């Protein structure tokens, strides 16, 4: 499943008026840090077309300074003011042009969503618990293991699947356990699932998304968790609050209902399809998308508590008529 569209730029920039000078891209000091293990590429699922116009070009600081030489634009001053949220008036640029040579290569790569199902008594209704299992890969000699993002979420889904099976009772609603591919490349796995359904999406009552569930919001707030959910289903909050008290789960939940639940992860694929969602999330820490996202940083207690409340909520919602 999936087509990878590779957009490669010939790394040669000729500054107009200096045809004898070709400035090849070099790395600035900040670009010498650990980088994500991805090629310069754009990815899409089958059938998606790129726009005719190119909207983004990335160049090194050295190349940008060469292009802007003589314009009065100072990149360091611009960055400093941008960091302070201050305005920077850019003077009109005259007599400047940039020649870009590009090539496009496309290739098809087979990737997989991993789907399991516990069949319920009602064959036409589904609850989907999902987590993406991909991460960054390797780059600059670093392995980006992604313990929190998203080994934690994948573990959560797998643990709840085992708990549902161990319950020994058939739920009223089908429960799908999904491990999405290519979330890091644009939610491709979950979007493919939603756009190419094997059953009517009208039967999907809920998507519960698990992404980054093993870090505190801060070391001073080890019990705090945000719960983002579709605001037209206040029952989600009622069940959660009830289960927190019923099972003595030591969490402080910041309930965040929304008609359009925000975020950059797989629940957005379901929001776009009009499907209700729930997402529990504690912290977003400094190891995010770095090689330091290792198991040694995982806070097992917050992860365990989130899995417990998600199992309790899932079981209740899978056995209610709604």
Foldseek 3Di string as FASTA:
>chain_A
DFKWKFWFWDQWKDKPPCNVDIDGADADPVRPDWDFPDDRTATAGPPDDDDPDDDDDDGHPVVVCVQCPPQPDDPVVVVVCVVVVHDDDGDDDPPTDMDTDIDIDIDGDDDDKDKDKQAAQDNLAEEEEEEEDDDRADTPHFGQRQVLFPVLSLVLLVVLVVVVVVVVDGFNGMYMYIHAYDLVNQLRRLLVCLVPDPHDPVRYAEYEYGGRQFAAQDPVANQEKEKEKAQVCCVLVVQLVVVCVVVVLRHDYDYHHDNQGDDSGNVNSVSVVVHIYIYIHGHDDPCPRHSPSDPVRGRVSRSVSVSVSVSSSVRVVRRDDD
